[in-house]
């Protein structure tokens, strides 16, 4: 279960950060 949970978190964290940082990055550029 640890392996699965880690995979989900590893794929969810970056995805959320990318989506959250995508809009501001584009506006600043």
PDB file of N, CA and C in Angstrom:
ATOM      1  N   UNK A   1       0.851  -1.203   0.000  1.00  0.00           N
ATOM      2  CA  UNK A   1       0.000   0.000   0.000  1.00  0.00           C
ATOM      3  C   UNK A   1       0.886   1.253   0.000  1.00  0.00           C
ATOM      4  N   UNK A   2       2.000   1.181   0.680  1.00  0.00           N
ATOM      5  CA  UNK A   2       2.896   2.345   0.766  1.00  0.00           C
ATOM      6  C   UNK A   2       3.334   2.766  -0.636  1.00  0.00           C
ATOM      7  N   UNK A   3       3.693   1.771  -1.455  1.00  0.00           N
ATOM      8  CA  UNK A   3       4.169   2.077  -2.815  1.00  0.00           C
ATOM      9  C   UNK A   3       3.079   2.771  -3.626  1.00  0.00           C
ATOM     10  N   UNK A   4       1.861   2.253  -3.517  1.00  0.00           N
ATOM     11  CA  UNK A   4       0.760   2.851  -4.289  1.00  0.00           C
ATOM     12  C   UNK A   4       0.484   4.274  -3.799  1.00  0.00           C
ATOM     13  N   UNK A   5       0.421   4.440  -2.499  1.00  0.00           N
ATOM     14  CA  UNK A   5       0.116   5.765  -1.939  1.00  0.00           C
ATOM     15  C   UNK A   5       1.170   6.783  -2.368  1.00  0.00           C
ATOM     16  N   UNK A   6       2.438   6.343  -2.356  1.00  0.00           N
ATOM     17  CA  UNK A   6       3.527   7.253  -2.735  1.00  0.00           C
ATOM     18  C   UNK A   6       3.393   7.646  -4.198  1.00  0.00           C
ATOM     19  N   UNK A   7       3.041   6.678  -5.042  1.00  0.00           N
ATOM     20  CA  UNK A   7       2.906   6.963  -6.482  1.00  0.00           C
ATOM     21  C   UNK A   7       1.789   7.990  -6.704  1.00  0.00           C
ATOM     22  N   UNK A   8       0.672   7.790  -6.032  1.00  0.00           N
ATOM     23  CA  UNK A   8      -0.461   8.715  -6.197  1.00  0.00           C
ATOM     24  C   UNK A   8      -0.062  10.110  -5.744  1.00  0.00           C
ATOM     25  N   UNK A   9       0.602  10.203  -4.616  1.00  0.00           N
ATOM     26  CA  UNK A   9       1.002  11.523  -4.097  1.00  0.00           C
ATOM     27  C   UNK A   9       2.025  12.174  -5.026  1.00  0.00           C
ATOM     28  N   UNK A  10       2.965  11.370  -5.505  1.00  0.00           N
ATOM     29  CA  UNK A  10       4.017  11.907  -6.379  1.00  0.00           C
ATOM     30  C   UNK A  10       3.423  12.428  -7.676  1.00  0.00           C
ATOM     31  N   UNK A  11       2.350  11.792  -8.151  1.00  0.00           N
ATOM     32  CA  UNK A  11       1.750  12.222  -9.427  1.00  0.00           C
ATOM     33  C   UNK A  11       0.723  13.324  -9.188  1.00  0.00           C
ATOM     34  N   UNK A  12       0.155  13.372  -7.980  1.00  0.00           N
ATOM     35  CA  UNK A  12      -0.865  14.388  -7.696  1.00  0.00           C
ATOM     36  C   UNK A  12      -0.218  15.713  -7.309  1.00  0.00           C
ATOM     37  N   UNK A  13       0.831  15.668  -6.511  1.00  0.00           N
ATOM     38  CA  UNK A  13       1.493  16.904  -6.057  1.00  0.00           C
ATOM     39  C   UNK A  13       2.011  17.719  -7.239  1.00  0.00           C
ATOM     40  N   UNK A  14       2.818  17.132  -8.111  1.00  0.00           N
ATOM     41  CA  UNK A  14       3.357  17.873  -9.261  1.00  0.00           C
ATOM     42  C   UNK A  14       2.248  18.372 -10.183  1.00  0.00           C
ATOM     43  N   UNK A  15       1.228  17.554 -10.382  1.00  0.00           N
ATOM     44  CA  UNK A  15       0.131  17.969 -11.263  1.00  0.00           C
ATOM     45  C   UNK A  15      -0.558  19.209 -10.705  1.00  0.00           C
ATOM     46  N   UNK A  16      -0.850  19.211  -9.406  1.00  0.00           N
ATOM     47  CA  UNK A  16      -1.523  20.362  -8.792  1.00  0.00           C
ATOM     48  C   UNK A  16      -0.626  21.589  -8.846  1.00  0.00           C
ATOM     49  N   UNK A  17       0.664  21.385  -8.585  1.00  0.00           N
ATOM     50  CA  UNK A  17       1.604  22.521  -8.598  1.00  0.00           C
ATOM     51  C   UNK A  17       1.740  23.074 -10.010  1.00  0.00           C
ATOM     52  N   UNK A  18       1.820  22.187 -10.996  1.00  0.00           N
ATOM     53  CA  UNK A  18       1.964  22.625 -12.387  1.00  0.00           C
ATOM     54  C   UNK A  18       0.752  23.448 -12.807  1.00  0.00           C
ATOM     55  N   UNK A  19      -0.436  22.975 -12.460  1.00  0.00           N
ATOM     56  CA  UNK A  19      -1.663  23.689 -12.841  1.00  0.00           C
ATOM     57  C   UNK A  19      -1.748  25.018 -12.085  1.00  0.00           C
ATOM     58  N   UNK A  20      -1.298  25.015 -10.834  1.00  0.00           N
ATOM     59  CA  UNK A  20      -1.384  26.227 -10.016  1.00  0.00           C
ATOM     60  C   UNK A  20      -0.331  27.251 -10.439  1.00  0.00           C
ATOM     61  N   UNK A  21       0.836  26.756 -10.895  1.00  0.00           N
ATOM     62  CA  UNK A  21       1.920  27.665 -11.289  1.00  0.00           C
ATOM     63  C   UNK A  21       1.823  28.025 -12.769  1.00  0.00           C
ATOM     64  N   UNK A  22       1.002  27.304 -13.522  1.00  0.00           N
ATOM     65  CA  UNK A  22       0.890  27.561 -14.958  1.00  0.00           C
ATOM     66  C   UNK A  22       0.282  28.944 -15.235  1.00  0.00           C
ATOM     67  N   UNK A  23      -0.866  29.263 -14.660  1.00  0.00           N
ATOM     68  CA  UNK A  23      -1.520  30.558 -14.927  1.00  0.00           C
ATOM     69  C   UNK A  23      -0.640  31.752 -14.556  1.00  0.00           C
ATOM     70  N   UNK A  24      -0.103  31.814 -13.323  1.00  0.00           N
ATOM     71  CA  UNK A  24       0.721  32.955 -12.897  1.00  0.00           C
ATOM     72  C   UNK A  24       1.969  33.089 -13.760  1.00  0.00           C
ATOM     73  N   UNK A  25       2.584  31.963 -14.125  1.00  0.00           N
ATOM     74  CA  UNK A  25       3.819  32.008 -14.927  1.00  0.00           C
ATOM     75  C   UNK A  25       3.530  32.671 -16.276  1.00  0.00           C
ATOM     76  N   UNK A  26       2.423  32.284 -16.889  1.00  0.00           N
ATOM     77  CA  UNK A  26       2.073  32.836 -18.204  1.00  0.00           C
ATOM     78  C   UNK A  26       1.774  34.327 -18.108  1.00  0.00           C
ATOM     79  N   UNK A  27       1.111  34.731 -17.048  1.00  0.00           N
ATOM     80  CA  UNK A  27       0.757  36.152 -16.895  1.00  0.00           C
ATOM     81  C   UNK A  27       2.007  36.990 -16.654  1.00  0.00           C
ATOM     82  N   UNK A  28       2.949  36.438 -15.875  1.00  0.00           N
ATOM     83  CA  UNK A  28       4.181  37.185 -15.570  1.00  0.00           C
ATOM     84  C   UNK A  28       5.041  37.326 -16.819  1.00  0.00           C
ATOM     85  N   UNK A  29       5.072  36.248 -17.636  1.00  0.00           N
ATOM     86  CA  UNK A  29       5.911  36.271 -18.844  1.00  0.00           C
ATOM     87  C   UNK A  29       5.264  37.193 -19.861  1.00  0.00           C
TER      88      UNK A  29
END
